[in-house]
Amino acid sequence: MPFTIAPLPLVKGENNYPEYLAVLKALQDRAYDRAREIWEGVTPGGLTPGDGQFGIRPLVANEMANDVTVTTLSGTYSFRKTFTAAAWRPIFNYTVRKDVMHAFAGFAVPESTLNFLQLRMEIGDRIYPIIGLDEAQLFGAFAILFKEDQGKELIAEPESRVLVKGYCNVTGAQTVIPLGFELYRRKDLVITET
């Protein structure tokens, strides 16, 4: 899986890092194509889709919690995880809900201290090569950007499993923010009040 590691300030907009914008645009286009294949007759509708449309929003923490297979969600969710031992540890481990898709452009780590040196990703039955993060230590806060030619591999379809693990070399808390999109077929899945 081709990827690049970039200092986080570039990805956040300083110096207008065009590579990140290109990765996001290509991923959005591929995700839209895949959504139209899965949800026949449905077209893109932005944040508040109407009848016959699907919506799009950034990936959010409560959708990536370990209990998202249930219909209703409760509690506080965060992209911050605590690692308690030096070993492979799950960062995200969940099943995408029905009528929802997740598309990944990469991950951002906003802290200057890195608790893990490798990442491994699984989507459905596809297992991807381990990503070594040694060079990321040069940047402090950084982002990993996936640069796929086809893109379908980094799109988690409805009801597929997503597992992202990090090999921790030290214990402690780490924030890992997924970069990408959530597409949803039904507005009531994401626009509700509790």
N, C-alpha and C. Protein backbone atom coordinates (compact mmCIF):
# COMPACT_ATOMS: atom_id res chain seq x y z
N MET A 1 0.86 -1.17 0.00
CA MET A 1 0.00 0.00 0.00
C MET A 1 0.91 1.23 0.00
N PRO A 2 0.91 2.00 -1.06
CA PRO A 2 1.73 3.22 -1.09
C PRO A 2 1.20 4.25 -0.09
N PHE A 3 2.12 4.89 0.63
CA PHE A 3 1.74 5.92 1.59
C PHE A 3 2.87 6.93 1.70
N THR A 4 2.56 8.06 2.28
CA THR A 4 3.56 9.07 2.57
C THR A 4 3.33 9.58 3.98
N ILE A 5 4.39 10.02 4.63
CA ILE A 5 4.29 10.61 5.97
C ILE A 5 4.65 12.07 5.85
N ALA A 6 3.80 12.93 6.40
CA ALA A 6 4.01 14.38 6.28
C ALA A 6 3.87 15.03 7.64
N PRO A 7 4.62 16.12 7.88
CA PRO A 7 4.42 16.87 9.13
C PRO A 7 2.99 17.39 9.21
N LEU A 8 2.38 17.28 10.38
CA LEU A 8 0.98 17.66 10.54
C LEU A 8 0.68 19.11 10.16
N PRO A 9 1.55 20.09 10.46
CA PRO A 9 1.22 21.46 10.05
C PRO A 9 0.96 21.60 8.54
N LEU A 10 1.67 20.82 7.73
CA LEU A 10 1.42 20.87 6.28
C LEU A 10 0.03 20.36 5.95
N VAL A 11 -0.35 19.24 6.58
CA VAL A 11 -1.65 18.64 6.31
C VAL A 11 -2.77 19.54 6.81
N LYS A 12 -2.54 20.26 7.90
CA LYS A 12 -3.56 21.14 8.46
C LYS A 12 -3.74 22.42 7.64
N GLY A 13 -2.92 22.65 6.63
CA GLY A 13 -3.16 23.79 5.78
C GLY A 13 -2.02 24.76 5.62
N GLU A 14 -1.01 24.69 6.47
CA GLU A 14 0.12 25.59 6.28
C GLU A 14 0.81 25.25 4.96
N ASN A 15 1.19 26.24 4.23
CA ASN A 15 1.86 26.09 2.93
C ASN A 15 0.99 25.39 1.89
N ASN A 16 -0.31 25.25 2.17
CA ASN A 16 -1.25 24.67 1.21
C ASN A 16 -0.74 23.36 0.60
N TYR A 17 -0.56 22.37 1.42
CA TYR A 17 -0.02 21.06 1.00
C TYR A 17 -0.93 20.42 -0.05
N PRO A 18 -0.62 20.54 -1.34
CA PRO A 18 -1.54 20.08 -2.38
C PRO A 18 -1.70 18.56 -2.44
N GLU A 19 -0.71 17.82 -2.00
CA GLU A 19 -0.80 16.36 -2.07
C GLU A 19 -1.93 15.83 -1.20
N TYR A 20 -2.11 16.41 -0.02
CA TYR A 20 -3.19 15.98 0.86
C TYR A 20 -4.55 16.30 0.25
N LEU A 21 -4.68 17.47 -0.31
CA LEU A 21 -5.95 17.84 -0.95
C LEU A 21 -6.25 16.92 -2.12
N ALA A 22 -5.22 16.54 -2.87
CA ALA A 22 -5.41 15.62 -4.00
C ALA A 22 -5.84 14.23 -3.52
N VAL A 23 -5.24 13.76 -2.42
CA VAL A 23 -5.61 12.45 -1.86
C VAL A 23 -7.07 12.48 -1.41
N LEU A 24 -7.48 13.54 -0.71
CA LEU A 24 -8.86 13.64 -0.24
C LEU A 24 -9.85 13.69 -1.41
N LYS A 25 -9.54 14.47 -2.43
CA LYS A 25 -10.44 14.60 -3.59
C LYS A 25 -10.58 13.26 -4.32
N ALA A 26 -9.45 12.57 -4.54
CA ALA A 26 -9.50 11.27 -5.21
C ALA A 26 -10.28 10.26 -4.38
N LEU A 27 -10.09 10.27 -3.05
CA LEU A 27 -10.82 9.35 -2.18
C LEU A 27 -12.32 9.64 -2.22
N GLN A 28 -12.69 10.91 -2.17
CA GLN A 28 -14.11 11.27 -2.22
C GLN A 28 -14.73 10.79 -3.53
N ASP A 29 -14.05 10.99 -4.64
CA ASP A 29 -14.57 10.53 -5.93
C ASP A 29 -14.76 9.02 -5.95
N ARG A 30 -13.75 8.27 -5.44
CA ARG A 30 -13.85 6.80 -5.42
C ARG A 30 -14.95 6.34 -4.47
N ALA A 31 -15.09 7.02 -3.33
CA ALA A 31 -16.14 6.65 -2.37
C ALA A 31 -17.52 6.91 -2.98
N TYR A 32 -17.68 8.02 -3.67
CA TYR A 32 -18.96 8.30 -4.34
C TYR A 32 -19.28 7.22 -5.37
N ASP A 33 -18.28 6.83 -6.17
CA ASP A 33 -18.50 5.78 -7.16
C ASP A 33 -18.92 4.48 -6.50
N ARG A 34 -18.23 4.12 -5.40
CA ARG A 34 -18.55 2.87 -4.70
C ARG A 34 -19.94 2.93 -4.08
N ALA A 35 -20.31 4.09 -3.52
CA ALA A 35 -21.64 4.25 -2.92
C ALA A 35 -22.73 4.10 -3.98
N ARG A 36 -22.49 4.66 -5.16
CA ARG A 36 -23.49 4.53 -6.24
C ARG A 36 -23.64 3.08 -6.69
N GLU A 37 -22.53 2.30 -6.61
CA GLU A 37 -22.60 0.87 -6.96
C GLU A 37 -23.39 0.09 -5.91
N ILE A 38 -23.11 0.36 -4.64
CA ILE A 38 -23.75 -0.39 -3.55
C ILE A 38 -25.20 0.02 -3.38
N TRP A 39 -25.44 1.32 -3.39
CA TRP A 39 -26.79 1.85 -3.18
C TRP A 39 -27.34 2.33 -4.53
N GLU A 40 -27.76 1.41 -5.35
CA GLU A 40 -28.22 1.73 -6.71
C GLU A 40 -29.30 2.79 -6.71
N GLY A 41 -29.18 3.73 -7.64
CA GLY A 41 -30.18 4.77 -7.80
C GLY A 41 -30.05 5.92 -6.83
N VAL A 42 -29.01 5.91 -5.97
CA VAL A 42 -28.82 6.96 -4.99
C VAL A 42 -27.67 7.86 -5.46
N THR A 43 -27.81 9.16 -5.29
CA THR A 43 -26.81 10.13 -5.75
C THR A 43 -26.26 10.93 -4.55
N PRO A 44 -25.11 11.60 -4.71
CA PRO A 44 -24.56 12.39 -3.62
C PRO A 44 -25.47 13.55 -3.24
N GLY A 45 -25.57 13.83 -1.92
CA GLY A 45 -26.44 14.90 -1.46
C GLY A 45 -25.83 15.81 -0.41
N GLY A 46 -24.50 15.72 -0.20
CA GLY A 46 -23.86 16.61 0.77
C GLY A 46 -24.14 16.23 2.21
N LEU A 47 -24.08 17.22 3.11
CA LEU A 47 -24.28 16.96 4.54
C LEU A 47 -25.71 16.60 4.90
N THR A 48 -26.68 17.19 4.21
CA THR A 48 -28.10 16.92 4.51
C THR A 48 -28.79 16.40 3.25
N PRO A 49 -28.61 15.12 2.96
CA PRO A 49 -29.18 14.57 1.73
C PRO A 49 -30.69 14.50 1.77
N GLY A 50 -31.29 14.59 0.59
CA GLY A 50 -32.73 14.45 0.46
C GLY A 50 -33.09 13.04 0.04
N ASP A 51 -34.32 12.84 -0.38
CA ASP A 51 -34.77 11.53 -0.85
C ASP A 51 -33.93 11.10 -2.05
N GLY A 52 -33.51 9.84 -2.06
CA GLY A 52 -32.74 9.31 -3.18
C GLY A 52 -31.29 9.78 -3.19
N GLN A 53 -30.80 10.32 -2.07
CA GLN A 53 -29.42 10.79 -1.99
C GLN A 53 -28.72 10.17 -0.78
N PHE A 54 -27.38 10.16 -0.83
CA PHE A 54 -26.59 9.77 0.33
C PHE A 54 -25.79 10.98 0.79
N GLY A 55 -25.44 10.99 2.10
CA GLY A 55 -24.72 12.10 2.69
C GLY A 55 -23.26 11.77 2.92
N ILE A 56 -22.50 12.80 3.25
CA ILE A 56 -21.08 12.64 3.54
C ILE A 56 -20.69 13.57 4.69
N ARG A 57 -19.81 13.08 5.57
CA ARG A 57 -19.28 13.88 6.66
C ARG A 57 -17.92 13.31 7.04
N PRO A 58 -17.13 14.04 7.84
CA PRO A 58 -15.85 13.48 8.31
C PRO A 58 -16.10 12.27 9.20
N LEU A 59 -15.10 11.41 9.32
CA LEU A 59 -15.18 10.28 10.25
C LEU A 59 -15.24 10.82 11.67
N VAL A 60 -16.11 10.24 12.49
CA VAL A 60 -16.29 10.71 13.86
C VAL A 60 -16.04 9.58 14.86
N ALA A 61 -15.65 9.95 16.07
CA ALA A 61 -15.22 8.97 17.06
C ALA A 61 -16.31 7.98 17.46
N ASN A 62 -17.54 8.44 17.63
CA ASN A 62 -18.57 7.50 18.09
C ASN A 62 -18.89 6.44 17.05
N GLU A 63 -18.63 6.70 15.78
CA GLU A 63 -18.86 5.69 14.75
C GLU A 63 -17.76 4.63 14.75
N MET A 64 -16.64 4.94 15.37
CA MET A 64 -15.49 4.03 15.32
C MET A 64 -15.22 3.39 16.67
N ALA A 65 -16.19 3.49 17.59
CA ALA A 65 -16.06 2.85 18.90
C ALA A 65 -16.26 1.35 18.74
N ASN A 66 -15.91 0.61 19.77
CA ASN A 66 -15.99 -0.85 19.68
C ASN A 66 -17.41 -1.39 19.70
N ASP A 67 -18.42 -0.57 20.02
CA ASP A 67 -19.79 -1.09 20.12
C ASP A 67 -20.72 -0.48 19.08
N VAL A 68 -20.20 -0.11 17.90
CA VAL A 68 -21.07 0.55 16.94
C VAL A 68 -21.99 -0.41 16.19
N THR A 69 -21.91 -1.70 16.47
CA THR A 69 -22.83 -2.63 15.82
C THR A 69 -24.23 -2.52 16.40
N VAL A 70 -24.37 -1.86 17.54
CA VAL A 70 -25.70 -1.67 18.10
C VAL A 70 -26.39 -0.52 17.40
N THR A 71 -27.71 -0.48 17.45
CA THR A 71 -28.47 0.53 16.75
C THR A 71 -28.32 1.91 17.37
N THR A 72 -28.32 1.98 18.69
CA THR A 72 -28.20 3.28 19.35
C THR A 72 -26.84 3.38 20.02
N LEU A 73 -26.32 4.59 20.07
CA LEU A 73 -25.02 4.82 20.67
C LEU A 73 -25.20 5.69 21.91
N SER A 74 -24.40 5.45 22.91
CA SER A 74 -24.43 6.31 24.08
C SER A 74 -23.02 6.38 24.64
N GLY A 75 -22.75 7.40 25.44
CA GLY A 75 -21.45 7.52 26.06
C GLY A 75 -20.59 8.56 25.37
N THR A 76 -19.36 8.72 25.88
CA THR A 76 -18.41 9.67 25.34
C THR A 76 -17.34 8.90 24.58
N TYR A 77 -17.03 9.37 23.38
CA TYR A 77 -16.06 8.68 22.55
C TYR A 77 -14.96 9.66 22.18
N SER A 78 -13.77 9.13 21.97
CA SER A 78 -12.62 9.96 21.67
C SER A 78 -11.68 9.18 20.77
N PHE A 79 -10.85 9.90 20.04
CA PHE A 79 -9.80 9.26 19.24
C PHE A 79 -8.56 9.02 20.08
N ARG A 80 -8.61 9.30 21.36
CA ARG A 80 -7.47 9.11 22.26
C ARG A 80 -7.57 7.73 22.90
N LYS A 81 -6.51 6.95 22.77
CA LYS A 81 -6.45 5.60 23.32
C LYS A 81 -5.30 5.51 24.32
N THR A 82 -5.45 4.64 25.31
CA THR A 82 -4.39 4.39 26.27
C THR A 82 -3.83 3.00 26.02
N PHE A 83 -2.54 2.92 25.83
CA PHE A 83 -1.87 1.64 25.59
C PHE A 83 -1.17 1.23 26.87
N THR A 84 -1.41 -0.01 27.31
CA THR A 84 -0.94 -0.44 28.62
C THR A 84 0.24 -1.41 28.58
N ALA A 85 0.62 -1.84 27.39
CA ALA A 85 1.75 -2.78 27.32
C ALA A 85 2.41 -2.67 25.95
N ALA A 86 3.66 -3.05 25.89
CA ALA A 86 4.39 -3.06 24.62
C ALA A 86 4.00 -4.32 23.85
N ALA A 87 3.15 -4.16 22.86
CA ALA A 87 2.66 -5.26 22.03
C ALA A 87 1.75 -4.67 20.95
N TRP A 88 1.22 -5.51 20.07
CA TRP A 88 0.22 -5.06 19.11
C TRP A 88 -1.07 -4.76 19.86
N ARG A 89 -1.59 -3.55 19.72
CA ARG A 89 -2.79 -3.12 20.42
C ARG A 89 -3.77 -2.49 19.43
N PRO A 90 -5.07 -2.77 19.60
CA PRO A 90 -6.06 -2.17 18.69
C PRO A 90 -6.20 -0.66 18.92
N ILE A 91 -6.21 0.08 17.83
CA ILE A 91 -6.51 1.51 17.87
C ILE A 91 -7.97 1.70 17.50
N PHE A 92 -8.41 1.04 16.44
CA PHE A 92 -9.82 0.99 16.06
C PHE A 92 -10.17 -0.46 15.79
N ASN A 93 -11.32 -0.89 16.31
CA ASN A 93 -11.79 -2.26 16.10
C ASN A 93 -13.31 -2.20 16.15
N TYR A 94 -13.95 -2.17 14.99
CA TYR A 94 -15.40 -1.99 14.96
C TYR A 94 -15.97 -2.56 13.67
N THR A 95 -17.30 -2.64 13.63
CA THR A 95 -18.02 -3.05 12.43
C THR A 95 -18.81 -1.85 11.93
N VAL A 96 -18.65 -1.54 10.66
CA VAL A 96 -19.37 -0.41 10.06
C VAL A 96 -20.87 -0.72 10.08
N ARG A 97 -21.67 0.26 10.44
CA ARG A 97 -23.12 0.04 10.51
C ARG A 97 -23.73 -0.16 9.13
N LYS A 98 -24.90 -0.76 9.12
CA LYS A 98 -25.68 -0.91 7.90
C LYS A 98 -26.01 0.49 7.36
N ASP A 99 -26.01 0.64 6.05
CA ASP A 99 -26.31 1.91 5.38
C ASP A 99 -25.25 2.99 5.64
N VAL A 100 -24.03 2.58 5.99
CA VAL A 100 -22.92 3.50 6.22
C VAL A 100 -21.67 2.92 5.54
N MET A 101 -20.80 3.79 5.03
CA MET A 101 -19.50 3.40 4.49
C MET A 101 -18.44 4.31 5.09
N HIS A 102 -17.23 3.78 5.30
CA HIS A 102 -16.10 4.59 5.77
C HIS A 102 -14.99 4.53 4.72
N ALA A 103 -14.45 5.69 4.36
CA ALA A 103 -13.36 5.79 3.38
C ALA A 103 -12.17 6.45 4.06
N PHE A 104 -11.01 5.80 4.00
CA PHE A 104 -9.83 6.26 4.71
C PHE A 104 -8.81 6.89 3.78
N ALA A 105 -8.37 8.12 4.11
CA ALA A 105 -7.28 8.78 3.40
C ALA A 105 -5.98 8.64 4.19
N GLY A 106 -6.08 8.30 5.47
CA GLY A 106 -4.91 8.15 6.32
C GLY A 106 -5.25 8.40 7.77
N PHE A 107 -4.23 8.71 8.56
CA PHE A 107 -4.39 8.97 9.99
C PHE A 107 -3.48 10.12 10.39
N ALA A 108 -3.92 10.92 11.36
CA ALA A 108 -3.10 12.00 11.90
C ALA A 108 -2.80 11.70 13.36
N VAL A 109 -1.58 12.00 13.78
CA VAL A 109 -1.16 11.88 15.16
C VAL A 109 -0.69 13.27 15.59
N PRO A 110 -1.53 14.00 16.37
CA PRO A 110 -1.23 15.39 16.66
C PRO A 110 -0.22 15.63 17.79
N GLU A 111 0.30 14.57 18.41
CA GLU A 111 1.24 14.73 19.50
C GLU A 111 2.67 14.53 19.01
N SER A 112 3.61 15.14 19.69
CA SER A 112 5.00 15.03 19.26
C SER A 112 5.65 13.73 19.74
N THR A 113 5.06 13.07 20.73
CA THR A 113 5.57 11.79 21.21
C THR A 113 4.77 10.67 20.57
N LEU A 114 5.47 9.71 20.00
CA LEU A 114 4.82 8.60 19.31
C LEU A 114 4.98 7.33 20.14
N ASN A 115 3.85 6.71 20.53
CA ASN A 115 3.89 5.52 21.38
C ASN A 115 3.99 4.22 20.60
N PHE A 116 3.80 4.25 19.29
CA PHE A 116 3.90 3.03 18.50
C PHE A 116 4.70 3.31 17.23
N LEU A 117 5.38 2.28 16.74
CA LEU A 117 6.27 2.45 15.60
C LEU A 117 5.78 1.74 14.35
N GLN A 118 4.67 1.04 14.44
CA GLN A 118 4.12 0.34 13.27
C GLN A 118 2.60 0.38 13.35
N LEU A 119 1.96 0.41 12.18
CA LEU A 119 0.51 0.31 12.06
C LEU A 119 0.17 -0.84 11.14
N ARG A 120 -0.94 -1.49 11.43
CA ARG A 120 -1.45 -2.56 10.57
C ARG A 120 -2.94 -2.37 10.44
N MET A 121 -3.46 -2.52 9.22
CA MET A 121 -4.86 -2.24 8.95
C MET A 121 -5.52 -3.44 8.28
N GLU A 122 -6.75 -3.73 8.71
CA GLU A 122 -7.57 -4.76 8.08
C GLU A 122 -8.95 -4.17 7.81
N ILE A 123 -9.45 -4.38 6.60
CA ILE A 123 -10.82 -3.99 6.26
C ILE A 123 -11.48 -5.22 5.67
N GLY A 124 -12.53 -5.70 6.34
CA GLY A 124 -13.17 -6.93 5.89
C GLY A 124 -12.17 -8.07 5.95
N ASP A 125 -12.03 -8.79 4.84
CA ASP A 125 -11.07 -9.90 4.79
C ASP A 125 -9.73 -9.49 4.20
N ARG A 126 -9.53 -8.19 3.96
CA ARG A 126 -8.27 -7.71 3.38
C ARG A 126 -7.31 -7.25 4.50
N ILE A 127 -6.11 -7.82 4.50
CA ILE A 127 -5.08 -7.46 5.47
C ILE A 127 -3.98 -6.73 4.70
N TYR A 128 -3.61 -5.54 5.17
CA TYR A 128 -2.64 -4.71 4.47
C TYR A 128 -1.26 -4.84 5.10
N PRO A 129 -0.22 -4.51 4.33
CA PRO A 129 1.13 -4.58 4.87
C PRO A 129 1.32 -3.65 6.07
N ILE A 130 2.24 -4.00 6.92
CA ILE A 130 2.56 -3.18 8.08
C ILE A 130 3.22 -1.89 7.60
N ILE A 131 2.81 -0.78 8.20
CA ILE A 131 3.38 0.53 7.89
C ILE A 131 4.37 0.89 8.98
N GLY A 132 5.62 1.06 8.62
CA GLY A 132 6.65 1.46 9.57
C GLY A 132 6.63 2.98 9.75
N LEU A 133 6.70 3.43 10.99
CA LEU A 133 6.58 4.86 11.28
C LEU A 133 7.86 5.47 11.83
N ASP A 134 8.99 4.81 11.65
CA ASP A 134 10.24 5.33 12.19
C ASP A 134 10.52 6.75 11.75
N GLU A 135 10.33 7.05 10.47
CA GLU A 135 10.64 8.40 9.99
C GLU A 135 9.69 9.45 10.55
N ALA A 136 8.51 9.05 11.02
CA ALA A 136 7.56 10.01 11.58
C ALA A 136 8.11 10.67 12.84
N GLN A 137 9.02 10.00 13.53
CA GLN A 137 9.60 10.57 14.74
C GLN A 137 10.40 11.84 14.45
N LEU A 138 10.80 12.03 13.21
CA LEU A 138 11.53 13.24 12.83
C LEU A 138 10.62 14.47 12.81
N PHE A 139 9.31 14.24 12.61
CA PHE A 139 8.38 15.35 12.43
C PHE A 139 7.68 15.79 13.71
N GLY A 140 7.66 14.97 14.74
CA GLY A 140 6.78 15.24 15.87
C GLY A 140 5.38 14.88 15.45
N ALA A 141 4.46 15.83 15.49
CA ALA A 141 3.09 15.57 15.02
C ALA A 141 3.13 15.32 13.51
N PHE A 142 2.38 14.29 13.05
CA PHE A 142 2.46 13.91 11.64
C PHE A 142 1.15 13.33 11.15
N ALA A 143 1.08 13.11 9.85
CA ALA A 143 -0.06 12.42 9.23
C ALA A 143 0.47 11.39 8.26
N ILE A 144 -0.22 10.26 8.18
CA ILE A 144 0.06 9.23 7.19
C ILE A 144 -1.01 9.38 6.11
N LEU A 145 -0.60 9.51 4.87
CA LEU A 145 -1.56 9.63 3.77
C LEU A 145 -1.44 8.42 2.88
N PHE A 146 -2.55 7.72 2.65
CA PHE A 146 -2.56 6.57 1.76
C PHE A 146 -2.66 7.06 0.33
N LYS A 147 -1.86 6.51 -0.55
CA LYS A 147 -1.85 6.92 -1.95
C LYS A 147 -2.15 5.70 -2.82
N GLU A 148 -3.40 5.27 -2.81
CA GLU A 148 -3.81 4.08 -3.55
C GLU A 148 -4.12 4.43 -4.99
N ASP A 149 -3.82 3.49 -5.89
CA ASP A 149 -4.16 3.70 -7.30
C ASP A 149 -5.65 3.45 -7.54
N GLN A 150 -6.19 2.40 -6.94
CA GLN A 150 -7.58 2.04 -7.17
C GLN A 150 -8.50 2.61 -6.10
N GLY A 151 -8.09 2.58 -4.86
CA GLY A 151 -8.85 3.19 -3.79
C GLY A 151 -9.91 2.34 -3.14
N LYS A 152 -10.44 1.35 -3.84
CA LYS A 152 -11.52 0.56 -3.26
C LYS A 152 -11.08 -0.15 -1.99
N GLU A 153 -9.80 -0.50 -1.93
CA GLU A 153 -9.31 -1.25 -0.77
C GLU A 153 -9.45 -0.48 0.53
N LEU A 154 -9.46 0.83 0.47
CA LEU A 154 -9.51 1.62 1.69
C LEU A 154 -10.91 2.16 1.96
N ILE A 155 -11.90 1.52 1.38
CA ILE A 155 -13.29 1.87 1.61
C ILE A 155 -13.94 0.70 2.32
N ALA A 156 -14.40 0.94 3.54
CA ALA A 156 -15.07 -0.09 4.33
C ALA A 156 -16.56 -0.01 4.04
N GLU A 157 -17.07 -1.04 3.43
CA GLU A 157 -18.48 -1.08 3.03
C GLU A 157 -19.37 -1.36 4.23
N PRO A 158 -20.69 -1.19 4.06
CA PRO A 158 -21.61 -1.45 5.17
C PRO A 158 -21.42 -2.85 5.75
N GLU A 159 -21.41 -2.91 7.07
CA GLU A 159 -21.34 -4.15 7.84
C GLU A 159 -20.02 -4.89 7.68
N SER A 160 -18.96 -4.19 7.25
CA SER A 160 -17.64 -4.81 7.20
C SER A 160 -16.85 -4.43 8.46
N ARG A 161 -15.91 -5.25 8.81
CA ARG A 161 -15.10 -5.05 10.01
C ARG A 161 -13.88 -4.20 9.68
N VAL A 162 -13.52 -3.31 10.58
CA VAL A 162 -12.32 -2.48 10.45
C VAL A 162 -11.47 -2.70 11.70
N LEU A 163 -10.21 -3.04 11.48
CA LEU A 163 -9.27 -3.22 12.59
C LEU A 163 -7.98 -2.49 12.23
N VAL A 164 -7.60 -1.54 13.06
CA VAL A 164 -6.33 -0.83 12.92
C VAL A 164 -5.57 -1.07 14.22
N LYS A 165 -4.36 -1.64 14.11
CA LYS A 165 -3.56 -1.94 15.29
C LYS A 165 -2.24 -1.19 15.20
N GLY A 166 -1.72 -0.84 16.36
CA GLY A 166 -0.40 -0.24 16.43
C GLY A 166 0.51 -1.10 17.29
N TYR A 167 1.79 -1.20 16.89
CA TYR A 167 2.74 -1.90 17.74
C TYR A 167 3.34 -0.88 18.68
N CYS A 168 2.96 -0.99 19.96
CA CYS A 168 3.39 -0.02 20.97
C CYS A 168 4.76 -0.40 21.50
N ASN A 169 5.62 0.58 21.58
CA ASN A 169 6.93 0.35 22.18
C ASN A 169 7.01 0.95 23.58
N VAL A 170 6.05 1.81 23.91
CA VAL A 170 5.95 2.37 25.27
C VAL A 170 4.48 2.42 25.65
N THR A 171 4.20 2.56 26.92
CA THR A 171 2.82 2.66 27.36
C THR A 171 2.44 4.13 27.48
N GLY A 172 1.15 4.38 27.45
CA GLY A 172 0.65 5.75 27.60
C GLY A 172 -0.46 6.04 26.63
N ALA A 173 -0.94 7.28 26.65
CA ALA A 173 -2.05 7.69 25.81
C ALA A 173 -1.55 8.24 24.48
N GLN A 174 -2.32 8.02 23.43
CA GLN A 174 -1.99 8.50 22.09
C GLN A 174 -3.28 8.85 21.37
N THR A 175 -3.28 9.96 20.66
CA THR A 175 -4.42 10.34 19.84
C THR A 175 -4.13 9.96 18.40
N VAL A 176 -5.05 9.22 17.79
CA VAL A 176 -4.94 8.83 16.39
C VAL A 176 -6.25 9.22 15.72
N ILE A 177 -6.19 10.19 14.82
CA ILE A 177 -7.39 10.73 14.18
C ILE A 177 -7.47 10.19 12.75
N PRO A 178 -8.54 9.49 12.40
CA PRO A 178 -8.68 9.01 11.03
C PRO A 178 -8.99 10.18 10.09
N LEU A 179 -8.36 10.17 8.93
CA LEU A 179 -8.61 11.18 7.90
C LEU A 179 -9.44 10.50 6.81
N GLY A 180 -10.56 11.07 6.50
CA GLY A 180 -11.41 10.47 5.48
C GLY A 180 -12.85 10.88 5.63
N PHE A 181 -13.75 10.00 5.15
CA PHE A 181 -15.16 10.34 5.05
C PHE A 181 -16.04 9.20 5.54
N GLU A 182 -17.21 9.58 6.04
CA GLU A 182 -18.28 8.64 6.29
C GLU A 182 -19.40 8.98 5.32
N LEU A 183 -19.86 8.01 4.57
CA LEU A 183 -21.02 8.18 3.69
C LEU A 183 -22.18 7.45 4.33
N TYR A 184 -23.36 8.06 4.30
CA TYR A 184 -24.52 7.46 4.95
C TYR A 184 -25.72 7.56 4.02
N ARG A 185 -26.47 6.48 4.01
CA ARG A 185 -27.62 6.39 3.12
C ARG A 185 -28.87 7.00 3.73
N ARG A 186 -28.96 6.98 5.06
CA ARG A 186 -30.13 7.52 5.75
C ARG A 186 -29.70 8.65 6.66
N LYS A 187 -30.32 9.80 6.50
CA LYS A 187 -29.98 10.98 7.28
C LYS A 187 -30.20 10.76 8.78
N ASP A 188 -31.19 9.96 9.15
CA ASP A 188 -31.48 9.75 10.57
C ASP A 188 -30.36 8.99 11.29
N LEU A 189 -29.42 8.40 10.54
CA LEU A 189 -28.29 7.73 11.17
C LEU A 189 -27.31 8.71 11.80
N VAL A 190 -27.26 9.94 11.30
CA VAL A 190 -26.25 10.89 11.76
C VAL A 190 -26.84 12.21 12.23
N ILE A 191 -28.09 12.50 11.89
CA ILE A 191 -28.71 13.76 12.30
C ILE A 191 -29.86 13.43 13.23
N THR A 192 -29.52 13.24 14.52
CA THR A 192 -30.51 12.93 15.53
C THR A 192 -30.17 13.67 16.80
N GLU A 193 -31.13 13.79 17.68
CA GLU A 193 -30.89 14.39 18.98
C GLU A 193 -31.18 13.36 20.05
N THR A 194 -30.42 13.42 21.13
CA THR A 194 -30.65 12.46 22.23
C THR A 194 -31.08 13.20 23.47
